[in-house]
Amino acid sequence: MPHDCSAPTAVAGIYPFDARGISKRFRHAAIFGALQALQPGETMRFCNDHDPVPLLHQISQAFGPRVRAAYVSRTPGEVLIDFLIVPE
C-alpha cells in the first residue's frame, strides 16, 4: 500500500511535514523552521510534489552534517524524504 501524505501517521520521533499545502512563497522558511525545531534523534518525514534538489543543497549548506536526508520514496507527485537530526 503506497504512503498517503494527506493522512500522516505519527511514529515515535518521526514528524510528518507535507509541503504541498504550503504556499511556495513561504515553503522554504517553513521547512527550515521545522528542521530547527527538531531535537537530536528526531526525524521530519517531508512530503513534496517534486524532487527538491535545490532545497537539499540549501539544507546541506545551512545544517551541514547535523541533518541527514534519506529518500523514502520518489513517486511522481509525492516525494518522501526523511530528514534526521543527528545526535551529537
PDB file of N, CA and C in Angstrom:
ATOM      1  N   MET A   1       0.852  -1.189   0.000  1.00  0.00           N
ATOM      2  CA  MET A   1       0.000   0.000   0.000  1.00  0.00           C
ATOM      3  C   MET A   1       0.893   1.247   0.000  1.00  0.00           C
ATOM      4  N   PRO A   2       0.726   2.166  -0.938  1.00  0.00           N
ATOM      5  CA  PRO A   2       1.567   3.363  -1.015  1.00  0.00           C
ATOM      6  C   PRO A   2       1.286   4.315   0.143  1.00  0.00           C
ATOM      7  N   HIS A   3       2.265   5.124   0.455  1.00  0.00           N
ATOM      8  CA  HIS A   3       2.128   6.135   1.508  1.00  0.00           C
ATOM      9  C   HIS A   3       1.188   7.237   1.040  1.00  0.00           C
ATOM     10  N   ASP A   4       0.381   7.744   1.961  1.00  0.00           N
ATOM     11  CA  ASP A   4      -0.541   8.838   1.658  1.00  0.00           C
ATOM     12  C   ASP A   4      -0.198  10.003   2.574  1.00  0.00           C
ATOM     13  N   CYS A   5       0.473  11.025   2.052  1.00  0.00           N
ATOM     14  CA  CYS A   5       0.894  12.162   2.871  1.00  0.00           C
ATOM     15  C   CYS A   5      -0.279  12.966   3.417  1.00  0.00           C
ATOM     16  N   SER A   6      -1.431  12.859   2.792  1.00  0.00           N
ATOM     17  CA  SER A   6      -2.582  13.616   3.267  1.00  0.00           C
ATOM     18  C   SER A   6      -3.183  12.999   4.524  1.00  0.00           C
ATOM     19  N   ALA A   7      -2.780  11.785   4.854  1.00  0.00           N
ATOM     20  CA  ALA A   7      -3.245  11.109   6.068  1.00  0.00           C
ATOM     21  C   ALA A   7      -2.024  10.635   6.849  1.00  0.00           C
ATOM     22  N   PRO A   8      -1.240  11.594   7.414  1.00  0.00           N
ATOM     23  CA  PRO A   8       0.005  11.200   8.084  1.00  0.00           C
ATOM     24  C   PRO A   8      -0.261  10.402   9.344  1.00  0.00           C
ATOM     25  N   THR A   9       0.603   9.466   9.594  1.00  0.00           N
ATOM     26  CA  THR A   9       0.567   8.709  10.837  1.00  0.00           C
ATOM     27  C   THR A   9       1.825   9.044  11.604  1.00  0.00           C
ATOM     28  N   ALA A  10       1.676   9.322  12.884  1.00  0.00           N
ATOM     29  CA  ALA A  10       2.814   9.687  13.703  1.00  0.00           C
ATOM     30  C   ALA A  10       3.458   8.436  14.281  1.00  0.00           C
ATOM     31  N   VAL A  11       4.730   8.296  14.043  1.00  0.00           N
ATOM     32  CA  VAL A  11       5.542   7.246  14.633  1.00  0.00           C
ATOM     33  C   VAL A  11       6.473   7.961  15.600  1.00  0.00           C
ATOM     34  N   ALA A  12       6.771   7.339  16.722  1.00  0.00           N
ATOM     35  CA  ALA A  12       7.609   7.979  17.736  1.00  0.00           C
ATOM     36  C   ALA A  12       8.873   8.576  17.118  1.00  0.00           C
ATOM     37  N   GLY A  13       9.061   9.883  17.300  1.00  0.00           N
ATOM     38  CA  GLY A  13      10.254  10.556  16.821  1.00  0.00           C
ATOM     39  C   GLY A  13      10.251  10.928  15.355  1.00  0.00           C
ATOM     40  N   ILE A  14       9.165  10.609  14.632  1.00  0.00           N
ATOM     41  CA  ILE A  14       9.058  10.973  13.212  1.00  0.00           C
ATOM     42  C   ILE A  14       7.870  11.918  13.061  1.00  0.00           C
ATOM     43  N   TYR A  15       8.135  13.107  12.562  1.00  0.00           N
ATOM     44  CA  TYR A  15       7.106  14.131  12.441  1.00  0.00           C
ATOM     45  C   TYR A  15       6.820  14.426  10.977  1.00  0.00           C
ATOM     46  N   PRO A  16       5.569  14.221  10.527  1.00  0.00           N
ATOM     47  CA  PRO A  16       5.235  14.463   9.120  1.00  0.00           C
ATOM     48  C   PRO A  16       5.197  15.953   8.797  1.00  0.00           C
ATOM     49  N   PHE A  17       5.663  16.280   7.604  1.00  0.00           N
ATOM     50  CA  PHE A  17       5.636  17.655   7.099  1.00  0.00           C
ATOM     51  C   PHE A  17       5.250  17.585   5.631  1.00  0.00           C
ATOM     52  N   ASP A  18       4.022  17.971   5.320  1.00  0.00           N
ATOM     53  CA  ASP A  18       3.529  17.949   3.942  1.00  0.00           C
ATOM     54  C   ASP A  18       3.664  19.347   3.349  1.00  0.00           C
ATOM     55  N   ALA A  19       4.686  19.542   2.529  1.00  0.00           N
ATOM     56  CA  ALA A  19       4.971  20.856   1.958  1.00  0.00           C
ATOM     57  C   ALA A  19       3.990  21.247   0.861  1.00  0.00           C
ATOM     58  N   ARG A  20       3.244  20.291   0.348  1.00  0.00           N
ATOM     59  CA  ARG A  20       2.354  20.575  -0.779  1.00  0.00           C
ATOM     60  C   ARG A  20       1.255  21.565  -0.434  1.00  0.00           C
ATOM     61  N   GLY A  21       0.883  21.677   0.828  1.00  0.00           N
ATOM     62  CA  GLY A  21      -0.186  22.597   1.217  1.00  0.00           C
ATOM     63  C   GLY A  21       0.302  23.967   1.630  1.00  0.00           C
ATOM     64  N   ILE A  22       1.603  24.201   1.544  1.00  0.00           N
ATOM     65  CA  ILE A  22       2.181  25.483   1.954  1.00  0.00           C
ATOM     66  C   ILE A  22       2.481  26.315   0.716  1.00  0.00           C
ATOM     67  N   SER A  23       2.096  27.563   0.762  1.00  0.00           N
ATOM     68  CA  SER A  23       2.366  28.475  -0.350  1.00  0.00           C
ATOM     69  C   SER A  23       3.847  28.461  -0.691  1.00  0.00           C
ATOM     70  N   LYS A  24       4.164  28.427  -1.973  1.00  0.00           N
ATOM     71  CA  LYS A  24       5.572  28.382  -2.401  1.00  0.00           C
ATOM     72  C   LYS A  24       6.366  29.551  -1.843  1.00  0.00           C
ATOM     73  N   ARG A  25       5.707  30.661  -1.638  1.00  0.00           N
ATOM     74  CA  ARG A  25       6.377  31.846  -1.108  1.00  0.00           C
ATOM     75  C   ARG A  25       6.936  31.599   0.299  1.00  0.00           C
ATOM     76  N   PHE A  26       6.258  30.765   1.090  1.00  0.00           N
ATOM     77  CA  PHE A  26       6.647  30.530   2.478  1.00  0.00           C
ATOM     78  C   PHE A  26       7.258  29.149   2.712  1.00  0.00           C
ATOM     79  N   ARG A  27       7.300  28.328   1.694  1.00  0.00           N
ATOM     80  CA  ARG A  27       7.654  26.918   1.855  1.00  0.00           C
ATOM     81  C   ARG A  27       9.049  26.704   2.456  1.00  0.00           C
ATOM     82  N   HIS A  28      10.071  27.333   1.890  1.00  0.00           N
ATOM     83  CA  HIS A  28      11.425  27.094   2.383  1.00  0.00           C
ATOM     84  C   HIS A  28      11.589  27.586   3.824  1.00  0.00           C
ATOM     85  N   ALA A  29      11.006  28.734   4.145  1.00  0.00           N
ATOM     86  CA  ALA A  29      11.098  29.245   5.515  1.00  0.00           C
ATOM     87  C   ALA A  29      10.415  28.287   6.491  1.00  0.00           C
ATOM     88  N   ALA A  30       9.286  27.722   6.099  1.00  0.00           N
ATOM     89  CA  ALA A  30       8.582  26.770   6.965  1.00  0.00           C
ATOM     90  C   ALA A  30       9.399  25.497   7.161  1.00  0.00           C
ATOM     91  N   ILE A  31      10.032  25.025   6.101  1.00  0.00           N
ATOM     92  CA  ILE A  31      10.850  23.809   6.182  1.00  0.00           C
ATOM     93  C   ILE A  31      12.049  24.033   7.101  1.00  0.00           C
ATOM     94  N   PHE A  32      12.740  25.153   6.929  1.00  0.00           N
ATOM     95  CA  PHE A  32      13.902  25.439   7.767  1.00  0.00           C
ATOM     96  C   PHE A  32      13.477  25.611   9.221  1.00  0.00           C
ATOM     97  N   GLY A  33      12.350  26.263   9.458  1.00  0.00           N
ATOM     98  CA  GLY A  33      11.840  26.421  10.822  1.00  0.00           C
ATOM     99  C   GLY A  33      11.514  25.083  11.460  1.00  0.00           C
ATOM    100  N   ALA A  34      10.908  24.183  10.690  1.00  0.00           N
ATOM    101  CA  ALA A  34      10.573  22.856  11.208  1.00  0.00           C
ATOM    102  C   ALA A  34      11.842  22.074  11.545  1.00  0.00           C
ATOM    103  N   LEU A  35      12.844  22.153  10.683  1.00  0.00           N
ATOM    104  CA  LEU A  35      14.098  21.451  10.958  1.00  0.00           C
ATOM    105  C   LEU A  35      14.769  22.001  12.217  1.00  0.00           C
ATOM    106  N   GLN A  36      14.732  23.302  12.402  1.00  0.00           N
ATOM    107  CA  GLN A  36      15.345  23.914  13.582  1.00  0.00           C
ATOM    108  C   GLN A  36      14.616  23.535  14.862  1.00  0.00           C
ATOM    109  N   ALA A  37      13.336  23.189  14.770  1.00  0.00           N
ATOM    110  CA  ALA A  37      12.548  22.830  15.945  1.00  0.00           C
ATOM    111  C   ALA A  37      12.779  21.393  16.398  1.00  0.00           C
ATOM    112  N   LEU A  38      13.383  20.568  15.544  1.00  0.00           N
ATOM    113  CA  LEU A  38      13.612  19.167  15.900  1.00  0.00           C
ATOM    114  C   LEU A  38      14.763  19.013  16.873  1.00  0.00           C
ATOM    115  N   GLN A  39      14.649  17.990  17.704  1.00  0.00           N
ATOM    116  CA  GLN A  39      15.693  17.642  18.660  1.00  0.00           C
ATOM    117  C   GLN A  39      16.571  16.545  18.052  1.00  0.00           C
ATOM    118  N   PRO A  40      17.810  16.407  18.523  1.00  0.00           N
ATOM    119  CA  PRO A  40      18.670  15.321  18.031  1.00  0.00           C
ATOM    120  C   PRO A  40      17.976  13.962  18.166  1.00  0.00           C
ATOM    121  N   GLY A  41      18.068  13.180  17.107  1.00  0.00           N
ATOM    122  CA  GLY A  41      17.430  11.868  17.073  1.00  0.00           C
ATOM    123  C   GLY A  41      16.041  11.885  16.474  1.00  0.00           C
ATOM    124  N   GLU A  42      15.454  13.068  16.295  1.00  0.00           N
ATOM    125  CA  GLU A  42      14.123  13.178  15.700  1.00  0.00           C
ATOM    126  C   GLU A  42      14.229  13.303  14.182  1.00  0.00           C
ATOM    127  N   THR A  43      13.142  12.934  13.512  1.00  0.00           N
ATOM    128  CA  THR A  43      13.098  12.930  12.053  1.00  0.00           C
ATOM    129  C   THR A  43      11.876  13.690  11.570  1.00  0.00           C
ATOM    130  N   MET A  44      12.065  14.484  10.522  1.00  0.00           N
ATOM    131  CA  MET A  44      10.942  15.093   9.816  1.00  0.00           C
ATOM    132  C   MET A  44      10.737  14.299   8.535  1.00  0.00           C
ATOM    133  N   ARG A  45       9.563  13.702   8.382  1.00  0.00           N
ATOM    134  CA  ARG A  45       9.226  12.998   7.140  1.00  0.00           C
ATOM    135  C   ARG A  45       8.572  14.017   6.211  1.00  0.00           C
ATOM    136  N   PHE A  46       9.333  14.448   5.239  1.00  0.00           N
ATOM    137  CA  PHE A  46       8.976  15.532   4.324  1.00  0.00           C
ATOM    138  C   PHE A  46       8.285  14.969   3.090  1.00  0.00           C
ATOM    139  N   CYS A  47       7.153  15.543   2.739  1.00  0.00           N
ATOM    140  CA  CYS A  47       6.419  15.138   1.544  1.00  0.00           C
ATOM    141  C   CYS A  47       6.298  16.350   0.622  1.00  0.00           C
ATOM    142  N   ASN A  48       6.585  16.134  -0.667  1.00  0.00           N
ATOM    143  CA  ASN A  48       6.531  17.224  -1.641  1.00  0.00           C
ATOM    144  C   ASN A  48       6.017  16.678  -2.967  1.00  0.00           C
ATOM    145  N   ASP A  49       5.610  17.576  -3.848  1.00  0.00           N
ATOM    146  CA  ASP A  49       5.077  17.154  -5.147  1.00  0.00           C
ATOM    147  C   ASP A  49       6.161  16.964  -6.204  1.00  0.00           C
ATOM    148  N   HIS A  50       7.413  17.314  -5.859  1.00  0.00           N
ATOM    149  CA  HIS A  50       8.532  17.141  -6.789  1.00  0.00           C
ATOM    150  C   HIS A  50       9.801  16.888  -5.983  1.00  0.00           C
ATOM    151  N   ASP A  51      10.841  16.455  -6.650  1.00  0.00           N
ATOM    152  CA  ASP A  51      12.128  16.200  -6.013  1.00  0.00           C
ATOM    153  C   ASP A  51      12.811  17.551  -5.772  1.00  0.00           C
ATOM    154  N   PRO A  52      13.010  17.953  -4.515  1.00  0.00           N
ATOM    155  CA  PRO A  52      13.508  19.296  -4.210  1.00  0.00           C
ATOM    156  C   PRO A  52      15.036  19.383  -4.143  1.00  0.00           C
ATOM    157  N   VAL A  53      15.696  19.088  -5.233  1.00  0.00           N
ATOM    158  CA  VAL A  53      17.160  19.052  -5.253  1.00  0.00           C
ATOM    159  C   VAL A  53      17.783  20.377  -4.792  1.00  0.00           C
ATOM    160  N   PRO A  54      17.337  21.554  -5.282  1.00  0.00           N
ATOM    161  CA  PRO A  54      17.939  22.802  -4.787  1.00  0.00           C
ATOM    162  C   PRO A  54      17.754  22.974  -3.271  1.00  0.00           C
ATOM    163  N   LEU A  55      16.605  22.577  -2.752  1.00  0.00           N
ATOM    164  CA  LEU A  55      16.358  22.662  -1.316  1.00  0.00           C
ATOM    165  C   LEU A  55      17.323  21.761  -0.546  1.00  0.00           C
ATOM    166  N   LEU A  56      17.574  20.570  -1.056  1.00  0.00           N
ATOM    167  CA  LEU A  56      18.510  19.659  -0.392  1.00  0.00           C
ATOM    168  C   LEU A  56      19.894  20.291  -0.281  1.00  0.00           C
ATOM    169  N   HIS A  57      20.320  20.993  -1.330  1.00  0.00           N
ATOM    170  CA  HIS A  57      21.612  21.679  -1.293  1.00  0.00           C
ATOM    171  C   HIS A  57      21.597  22.807  -0.258  1.00  0.00           C
ATOM    172  N   GLN A  58      20.501  23.549  -0.186  1.00  0.00           N
ATOM    173  CA  GLN A  58      20.394  24.636   0.796  1.00  0.00           C
ATOM    174  C   GLN A  58      20.433  24.092   2.220  1.00  0.00           C
ATOM    175  N   ILE A  59      19.743  22.982   2.461  1.00  0.00           N
ATOM    176  CA  ILE A  59      19.737  22.379   3.792  1.00  0.00           C
ATOM    177  C   ILE A  59      21.135  21.895   4.148  1.00  0.00           C
ATOM    178  N   SER A  60      21.811  21.291   3.198  1.00  0.00           N
ATOM    179  CA  SER A  60      23.172  20.814   3.429  1.00  0.00           C
ATOM    180  C   SER A  60      24.103  21.973   3.779  1.00  0.00           C
ATOM    181  N   GLN A  61      23.963  23.088   3.084  1.00  0.00           N
ATOM    182  CA  GLN A  61      24.802  24.252   3.354  1.00  0.00           C
ATOM    183  C   GLN A  61      24.492  24.857   4.724  1.00  0.00           C
ATOM    184  N   ALA A  62      23.216  24.905   5.077  1.00  0.00           N
ATOM    185  CA  ALA A  62      22.808  25.548   6.330  1.00  0.00           C
ATOM    186  C   ALA A  62      23.084  24.680   7.562  1.00  0.00           C
ATOM    187  N   PHE A  63      22.871  23.370   7.442  1.00  0.00           N
ATOM    188  CA  PHE A  63      22.954  22.495   8.609  1.00  0.00           C
ATOM    189  C   PHE A  63      24.179  21.590   8.615  1.00  0.00           C
ATOM    190  N   GLY A  64      24.806  21.425   7.466  1.00  0.00           N
ATOM    191  CA  GLY A  64      25.972  20.548   7.388  1.00  0.00           C
ATOM    192  C   GLY A  64      25.623  19.122   7.800  1.00  0.00           C
ATOM    193  N   PRO A  65      26.528  18.466   8.511  1.00  0.00           N
ATOM    194  CA  PRO A  65      26.304  17.063   8.863  1.00  0.00           C
ATOM    195  C   PRO A  65      25.273  16.856   9.981  1.00  0.00           C
ATOM    196  N   ARG A  66      24.737  17.930  10.553  1.00  0.00           N
ATOM    197  CA  ARG A  66      23.724  17.797  11.611  1.00  0.00           C
ATOM    198  C   ARG A  66      22.409  17.249  11.085  1.00  0.00           C
ATOM    199  N   VAL A  67      22.171  17.387   9.771  1.00  0.00           N
ATOM    200  CA  VAL A  67      20.926  16.885   9.170  1.00  0.00           C
ATOM    201  C   VAL A  67      21.285  15.881   8.081  1.00  0.00           C
ATOM    202  N   ARG A  68      20.721  14.693   8.189  1.00  0.00           N
ATOM    203  CA  ARG A  68      20.887  13.666   7.154  1.00  0.00           C
ATOM    204  C   ARG A  68      19.576  13.523   6.404  1.00  0.00           C
ATOM    205  N   ALA A  69      19.667  13.477   5.086  1.00  0.00           N
ATOM    206  CA  ALA A  69      18.484  13.292   4.242  1.00  0.00           C
ATOM    207  C   ALA A  69      18.527  11.911   3.609  1.00  0.00           C
ATOM    208  N   ALA A  70      17.381  11.224   3.630  1.00  0.00           N
ATOM    209  CA  ALA A  70      17.278   9.902   3.011  1.00  0.00           C
ATOM    210  C   ALA A  70      15.922   9.786   2.336  1.00  0.00           C
ATOM    211  N   TYR A  71      15.937   9.462   1.039  1.00  0.00           N
ATOM    212  CA  TYR A  71      14.680   9.289   0.326  1.00  0.00           C
ATOM    213  C   TYR A  71      13.953   8.046   0.846  1.00  0.00           C
ATOM    214  N   VAL A  72      12.657   8.209   1.083  1.00  0.00           N
ATOM    215  CA  VAL A  72      11.787   7.088   1.449  1.00  0.00           C
ATOM    216  C   VAL A  72      11.119   6.575   0.177  1.00  0.00           C
ATOM    217  N   SER A  73      10.671   7.515  -0.670  1.00  0.00           N
ATOM    218  CA  SER A  73      10.101   7.148  -1.973  1.00  0.00           C
ATOM    219  C   SER A  73      10.182   8.338  -2.918  1.00  0.00           C
ATOM    220  N   ARG A  74      10.160   8.030  -4.205  1.00  0.00           N
ATOM    221  CA  ARG A  74      10.199   9.058  -5.254  1.00  0.00           C
ATOM    222  C   ARG A  74       9.083   8.794  -6.253  1.00  0.00           C
ATOM    223  N   THR A  75       7.871   8.800  -5.780  1.00  0.00           N
ATOM    224  CA  THR A  75       6.706   8.598  -6.632  1.00  0.00           C
ATOM    225  C   THR A  75       6.361   9.929  -7.301  1.00  0.00           C
ATOM    226  N   PRO A  76       6.066   9.952  -8.602  1.00  0.00           N
ATOM    227  CA  PRO A  76       5.671  11.211  -9.241  1.00  0.00           C
ATOM    228  C   PRO A  76       4.500  11.852  -8.497  1.00  0.00           C
ATOM    229  N   GLY A  77       4.672  13.118  -8.140  1.00  0.00           N
ATOM    230  CA  GLY A  77       3.637  13.849  -7.413  1.00  0.00           C
ATOM    231  C   GLY A  77       3.712  13.680  -5.912  1.00  0.00           C
ATOM    232  N   GLU A  78       4.583  12.777  -5.432  1.00  0.00           N
ATOM    233  CA  GLU A  78       4.702  12.554  -3.994  1.00  0.00           C
ATOM    234  C   GLU A  78       6.089  11.994  -3.671  1.00  0.00           C
ATOM    235  N   VAL A  79       6.994  12.906  -3.339  1.00  0.00           N
ATOM    236  CA  VAL A  79       8.357  12.523  -2.969  1.00  0.00           C
ATOM    237  C   VAL A  79       8.448  12.590  -1.447  1.00  0.00           C
ATOM    238  N   LEU A  80       8.941  11.516  -0.836  1.00  0.00           N
ATOM    239  CA  LEU A  80       9.112  11.451   0.618  1.00  0.00           C
ATOM    240  C   LEU A  80      10.588  11.401   0.960  1.00  0.00           C
ATOM    241  N   ILE A  81      10.992  12.292   1.873  1.00  0.00           N
ATOM    242  CA  ILE A  81      12.375  12.349   2.332  1.00  0.00           C
ATOM    243  C   ILE A  81      12.367  12.427   3.845  1.00  0.00           C
ATOM    244  N   ASP A  82      13.155  11.584   4.491  1.00  0.00           N
ATOM    245  CA  ASP A  82      13.345  11.693   5.938  1.00  0.00           C
ATOM    246  C   ASP A  82      14.554  12.560   6.211  1.00  0.00           C
ATOM    247  N   PHE A  83      14.349  13.590   7.034  1.00  0.00           N
ATOM    248  CA  PHE A  83      15.439  14.443   7.497  1.00  0.00           C
ATOM    249  C   PHE A  83      15.672  14.110   8.965  1.00  0.00           C
ATOM    250  N   LEU A  84      16.807  13.514   9.255  1.00  0.00           N
ATOM    251  CA  LEU A  84      17.166  13.125  10.628  1.00  0.00           C
ATOM    252  C   LEU A  84      18.114  14.149  11.208  1.00  0.00           C
ATOM    253  N   ILE A  85      17.805  14.585  12.438  1.00  0.00           N
ATOM    254  CA  ILE A  85      18.720  15.460  13.161  1.00  0.00           C
ATOM    255  C   ILE A  85      19.696  14.537  13.886  1.00  0.00           C
ATOM    256  N   VAL A  86      20.950  14.622  13.529  1.00  0.00           N
ATOM    257  CA  VAL A  86      21.959  13.695  14.031  1.00  0.00           C
ATOM    258  C   VAL A  86      22.310  14.058  15.481  1.00  0.00           C
ATOM    259  N   PRO A  87      22.236  13.074  16.388  1.00  0.00           N
ATOM    260  CA  PRO A  87      22.671  13.330  17.764  1.00  0.00           C
ATOM    261  C   PRO A  87      24.157  13.666  17.814  1.00  0.00           C
ATOM    262  N   GLU A  88      24.514  14.560  18.682  1.00  0.00           N
ATOM    263  CA  GLU A  88      25.933  14.968  18.787  1.00  0.00           C
ATOM    264  C   GLU A  88      26.735  13.962  19.568  1.00  0.00           C
TER     265      GLU A  88
END
